Amino acid sequence: MQIRIQNTIRFGEEMEIVDQYYQGEWKEKAGFQYLLYTNEEDEKVALKFSNDELVMTRFSSPKSIMRFYKNEYGGAIIPTPMGIQQFLITTDLFQLE
């Protein structure tokens, strides 16, 4: 199946628009749905979601995890050259089609 990810990321005054397509697969398990694909950096990625939350896990070394919630703050743990960074994520729109 084809997976399309659209996102607008704002960090201070900077803005990045993401519009990416991947070939992947869909699975359902324990009340969650999963989209699994490999990104352009050859990392396996899992999108785990329900009606109220989405968790994006990149199986890189080390692993990156981002959590998005409807009307709540989420978080991200992302490895950088300066070490593991933690971010607070505000989600304005959460929509799955």
N, C-alpha and C. Protein backbone atom coordinates (compact mmCIF):
# COMPACT_ATOMS: atom_id res chain seq x y z
N MET A 1 0.83 -1.17 0.00
CA MET A 1 0.00 0.00 0.00
C MET A 1 0.88 1.23 0.00
N GLN A 2 0.33 2.34 -0.50
CA GLN A 2 1.08 3.59 -0.49
C GLN A 2 0.72 4.39 0.76
N ILE A 3 1.74 4.89 1.46
CA ILE A 3 1.56 5.69 2.67
C ILE A 3 1.99 7.11 2.35
N ARG A 4 1.14 8.08 2.67
CA ARG A 4 1.49 9.49 2.47
C ARG A 4 1.51 10.17 3.83
N ILE A 5 2.60 10.88 4.11
CA ILE A 5 2.74 11.62 5.36
C ILE A 5 2.83 13.09 5.02
N GLN A 6 1.89 13.87 5.55
CA GLN A 6 1.90 15.33 5.39
C GLN A 6 2.01 15.95 6.77
N ASN A 7 2.88 16.94 6.90
CA ASN A 7 3.07 17.56 8.20
C ASN A 7 3.67 18.94 8.01
N THR A 8 3.32 19.86 8.88
CA THR A 8 3.96 21.16 8.96
C THR A 8 4.61 21.24 10.32
N ILE A 9 5.91 21.46 10.33
CA ILE A 9 6.68 21.51 11.58
C ILE A 9 7.12 22.94 11.81
N ARG A 10 6.78 23.48 12.97
CA ARG A 10 7.22 24.83 13.35
C ARG A 10 8.12 24.71 14.57
N PHE A 11 9.30 25.30 14.46
CA PHE A 11 10.25 25.30 15.57
C PHE A 11 10.78 26.72 15.68
N GLY A 12 10.22 27.47 16.64
CA GLY A 12 10.56 28.89 16.73
C GLY A 12 10.07 29.61 15.49
N GLU A 13 10.96 30.31 14.81
CA GLU A 13 10.61 31.04 13.59
C GLU A 13 10.73 30.17 12.34
N GLU A 14 11.27 28.97 12.47
CA GLU A 14 11.47 28.09 11.32
C GLU A 14 10.23 27.24 11.05
N MET A 15 9.99 26.97 9.76
CA MET A 15 8.87 26.12 9.38
C MET A 15 9.33 25.16 8.29
N GLU A 16 8.94 23.90 8.41
CA GLU A 16 9.26 22.87 7.42
C GLU A 16 7.96 22.17 7.03
N ILE A 17 7.75 22.02 5.74
CA ILE A 17 6.57 21.32 5.25
C ILE A 17 7.01 19.96 4.73
N VAL A 18 6.37 18.90 5.24
CA VAL A 18 6.71 17.53 4.88
C VAL A 18 5.57 16.95 4.04
N ASP A 19 5.91 16.35 2.92
CA ASP A 19 4.95 15.64 2.07
C ASP A 19 5.71 14.46 1.47
N GLN A 20 5.58 13.28 2.08
CA GLN A 20 6.38 12.12 1.71
C GLN A 20 5.48 10.94 1.37
N TYR A 21 5.95 10.12 0.44
CA TYR A 21 5.26 8.89 0.05
C TYR A 21 6.18 7.70 0.28
N TYR A 22 5.61 6.61 0.79
CA TYR A 22 6.36 5.38 1.02
C TYR A 22 5.49 4.19 0.65
N GLN A 23 6.13 3.10 0.26
CA GLN A 23 5.44 1.82 0.12
C GLN A 23 5.54 1.12 1.47
N GLY A 24 4.44 0.56 1.94
CA GLY A 24 4.46 -0.09 3.23
C GLY A 24 3.32 -1.06 3.38
N GLU A 25 3.06 -1.43 4.62
CA GLU A 25 1.98 -2.37 4.90
C GLU A 25 1.19 -1.91 6.12
N TRP A 26 -0.06 -2.37 6.20
CA TRP A 26 -0.98 -2.06 7.29
C TRP A 26 -1.25 -3.32 8.08
N LYS A 27 -1.30 -3.18 9.41
CA LYS A 27 -1.66 -4.29 10.30
C LYS A 27 -2.53 -3.75 11.42
N GLU A 28 -3.29 -4.63 12.05
CA GLU A 28 -4.10 -4.26 13.21
C GLU A 28 -3.80 -5.26 14.32
N LYS A 29 -3.63 -4.72 15.56
CA LYS A 29 -3.30 -5.59 16.69
C LYS A 29 -3.66 -4.87 17.99
N ALA A 30 -4.38 -5.57 18.86
CA ALA A 30 -4.71 -5.09 20.22
C ALA A 30 -5.32 -3.69 20.22
N GLY A 31 -6.25 -3.44 19.31
CA GLY A 31 -6.96 -2.16 19.30
C GLY A 31 -6.21 -1.02 18.63
N PHE A 32 -5.03 -1.28 18.11
CA PHE A 32 -4.26 -0.26 17.40
C PHE A 32 -4.08 -0.69 15.96
N GLN A 33 -3.89 0.29 15.10
CA GLN A 33 -3.55 0.04 13.71
C GLN A 33 -2.09 0.43 13.52
N TYR A 34 -1.42 -0.25 12.61
CA TYR A 34 0.00 -0.01 12.36
C TYR A 34 0.23 0.18 10.87
N LEU A 35 1.03 1.17 10.53
CA LEU A 35 1.57 1.33 9.19
C LEU A 35 3.07 1.14 9.32
N LEU A 36 3.62 0.23 8.53
CA LEU A 36 5.04 -0.11 8.60
C LEU A 36 5.69 0.18 7.25
N TYR A 37 6.83 0.87 7.28
CA TYR A 37 7.53 1.18 6.04
C TYR A 37 9.01 1.41 6.33
N THR A 38 9.80 1.56 5.28
CA THR A 38 11.22 1.87 5.38
C THR A 38 11.42 3.26 4.78
N ASN A 39 12.09 4.16 5.53
CA ASN A 39 12.27 5.53 5.06
C ASN A 39 13.49 5.65 4.14
N GLU A 40 13.75 6.89 3.68
CA GLU A 40 14.84 7.14 2.74
C GLU A 40 16.23 6.90 3.34
N GLU A 41 16.32 6.83 4.66
CA GLU A 41 17.59 6.53 5.33
C GLU A 41 17.72 5.04 5.63
N ASP A 42 16.84 4.23 5.03
CA ASP A 42 16.81 2.77 5.18
C ASP A 42 16.53 2.33 6.62
N GLU A 43 15.76 3.15 7.35
CA GLU A 43 15.34 2.82 8.72
C GLU A 43 13.91 2.29 8.67
N LYS A 44 13.63 1.26 9.44
CA LYS A 44 12.26 0.78 9.56
C LYS A 44 11.50 1.76 10.45
N VAL A 45 10.26 2.06 10.05
CA VAL A 45 9.42 3.02 10.77
C VAL A 45 8.07 2.37 11.02
N ALA A 46 7.55 2.55 12.24
CA ALA A 46 6.22 2.07 12.59
C ALA A 46 5.37 3.25 13.04
N LEU A 47 4.20 3.40 12.43
CA LEU A 47 3.20 4.36 12.88
C LEU A 47 2.11 3.56 13.57
N LYS A 48 1.97 3.74 14.87
CA LYS A 48 0.96 3.03 15.66
C LYS A 48 -0.10 4.07 16.03
N PHE A 49 -1.37 3.79 15.70
CA PHE A 49 -2.37 4.83 15.96
C PHE A 49 -3.72 4.26 16.33
N SER A 50 -4.46 5.13 17.03
CA SER A 50 -5.87 4.90 17.36
C SER A 50 -6.58 6.21 17.01
N ASN A 51 -7.81 6.38 17.45
CA ASN A 51 -8.53 7.62 17.17
C ASN A 51 -7.94 8.83 17.88
N ASP A 52 -7.23 8.61 18.99
CA ASP A 52 -6.77 9.73 19.82
C ASP A 52 -5.26 9.92 19.88
N GLU A 53 -4.48 8.98 19.38
CA GLU A 53 -3.03 9.14 19.46
C GLU A 53 -2.33 8.49 18.29
N LEU A 54 -1.13 8.99 18.01
CA LEU A 54 -0.27 8.41 17.00
C LEU A 54 1.14 8.37 17.57
N VAL A 55 1.80 7.23 17.46
CA VAL A 55 3.18 7.08 17.92
C VAL A 55 4.01 6.69 16.71
N MET A 56 5.04 7.49 16.44
CA MET A 56 5.95 7.20 15.33
C MET A 56 7.27 6.73 15.91
N THR A 57 7.67 5.51 15.57
CA THR A 57 8.93 4.95 16.05
C THR A 57 9.83 4.69 14.85
N ARG A 58 11.01 5.31 14.87
CA ARG A 58 12.03 5.05 13.86
C ARG A 58 13.05 4.11 14.49
N PHE A 59 13.22 2.95 13.89
CA PHE A 59 14.14 1.96 14.43
C PHE A 59 15.55 2.24 13.90
N SER A 60 16.05 3.42 14.30
CA SER A 60 17.40 3.84 13.97
C SER A 60 18.30 3.43 15.13
N SER A 61 19.53 3.85 15.09
CA SER A 61 20.42 3.53 16.20
C SER A 61 21.02 4.83 16.72
N PRO A 62 20.54 5.36 17.85
CA PRO A 62 19.47 4.84 18.71
C PRO A 62 18.08 5.15 18.14
N LYS A 63 17.10 4.51 18.71
CA LYS A 63 15.70 4.61 18.28
C LYS A 63 15.14 6.00 18.58
N SER A 64 14.28 6.53 17.68
CA SER A 64 13.57 7.80 17.87
C SER A 64 12.09 7.51 18.05
N ILE A 65 11.46 8.20 19.02
CA ILE A 65 10.03 8.01 19.28
C ILE A 65 9.36 9.37 19.37
N MET A 66 8.24 9.54 18.65
CA MET A 66 7.45 10.77 18.71
C MET A 66 6.00 10.39 19.00
N ARG A 67 5.37 11.14 19.92
CA ARG A 67 3.98 10.88 20.29
C ARG A 67 3.13 12.11 20.00
N PHE A 68 2.01 11.88 19.33
CA PHE A 68 1.08 12.94 18.98
C PHE A 68 -0.29 12.58 19.55
N TYR A 69 -0.94 13.56 20.21
CA TYR A 69 -2.26 13.35 20.81
C TYR A 69 -3.21 14.44 20.36
N LYS A 70 -4.48 14.09 20.25
CA LYS A 70 -5.51 15.10 20.00
C LYS A 70 -5.66 15.97 21.23
N ASN A 71 -5.55 17.27 21.05
CA ASN A 71 -5.82 18.26 22.11
C ASN A 71 -4.98 18.07 23.36
N GLU A 72 -3.82 17.46 23.26
CA GLU A 72 -2.91 17.29 24.40
C GLU A 72 -1.48 17.45 23.92
N TYR A 73 -0.57 17.69 24.85
CA TYR A 73 0.85 17.73 24.51
C TYR A 73 1.38 16.32 24.34
N GLY A 74 2.25 16.16 23.37
CA GLY A 74 2.95 14.90 23.17
C GLY A 74 4.43 15.13 23.39
N GLY A 75 5.22 14.13 23.08
CA GLY A 75 6.65 14.27 23.29
C GLY A 75 7.45 13.55 22.23
N ALA A 76 8.72 13.90 22.16
CA ALA A 76 9.64 13.25 21.24
C ALA A 76 10.97 13.03 21.93
N ILE A 77 11.55 11.89 21.65
CA ILE A 77 12.90 11.57 22.11
C ILE A 77 13.70 11.30 20.84
N ILE A 78 14.64 12.22 20.53
CA ILE A 78 15.35 12.17 19.26
C ILE A 78 16.85 12.26 19.49
N PRO A 79 17.61 11.31 18.95
CA PRO A 79 19.07 11.40 19.06
C PRO A 79 19.62 12.48 18.13
N THR A 80 20.54 13.28 18.62
CA THR A 80 21.20 14.31 17.82
C THR A 80 22.70 14.22 18.07
N PRO A 81 23.51 14.94 17.30
CA PRO A 81 24.95 14.95 17.57
C PRO A 81 25.29 15.46 18.98
N MET A 82 24.37 16.21 19.60
CA MET A 82 24.59 16.73 20.95
C MET A 82 24.03 15.80 22.02
N GLY A 83 23.60 14.61 21.64
CA GLY A 83 23.02 13.67 22.59
C GLY A 83 21.52 13.53 22.38
N ILE A 84 20.89 12.78 23.26
CA ILE A 84 19.44 12.56 23.18
C ILE A 84 18.73 13.85 23.57
N GLN A 85 17.83 14.32 22.72
CA GLN A 85 17.05 15.53 22.98
C GLN A 85 15.59 15.15 23.19
N GLN A 86 14.94 15.82 24.13
CA GLN A 86 13.52 15.62 24.37
C GLN A 86 12.78 16.89 23.98
N PHE A 87 11.67 16.73 23.27
CA PHE A 87 10.89 17.85 22.80
C PHE A 87 9.44 17.69 23.24
N LEU A 88 8.78 18.81 23.47
CA LEU A 88 7.35 18.84 23.74
C LEU A 88 6.66 19.14 22.42
N ILE A 89 5.64 18.37 22.07
CA ILE A 89 4.96 18.51 20.78
C ILE A 89 3.53 18.99 21.01
N THR A 90 3.16 20.05 20.31
CA THR A 90 1.78 20.53 20.31
C THR A 90 1.17 20.15 18.96
N THR A 91 0.06 19.44 18.99
CA THR A 91 -0.60 19.00 17.76
C THR A 91 -1.86 19.83 17.55
N ASP A 92 -1.86 20.63 16.47
CA ASP A 92 -3.02 21.46 16.16
C ASP A 92 -4.11 20.68 15.44
N LEU A 93 -3.72 19.75 14.59
CA LEU A 93 -4.67 18.96 13.82
C LEU A 93 -4.19 17.52 13.77
N PHE A 94 -5.07 16.61 14.08
CA PHE A 94 -4.75 15.18 14.09
C PHE A 94 -5.79 14.52 13.21
N GLN A 95 -5.40 14.11 12.02
CA GLN A 95 -6.38 13.57 11.08
C GLN A 95 -5.78 12.37 10.35
N LEU A 96 -6.50 11.27 10.34
CA LEU A 96 -6.09 10.08 9.62
C LEU A 96 -7.11 9.79 8.55
N GLU A 97 -6.65 9.54 7.34
CA GLU A 97 -7.57 9.24 6.23
C GLU A 97 -7.27 7.88 5.67
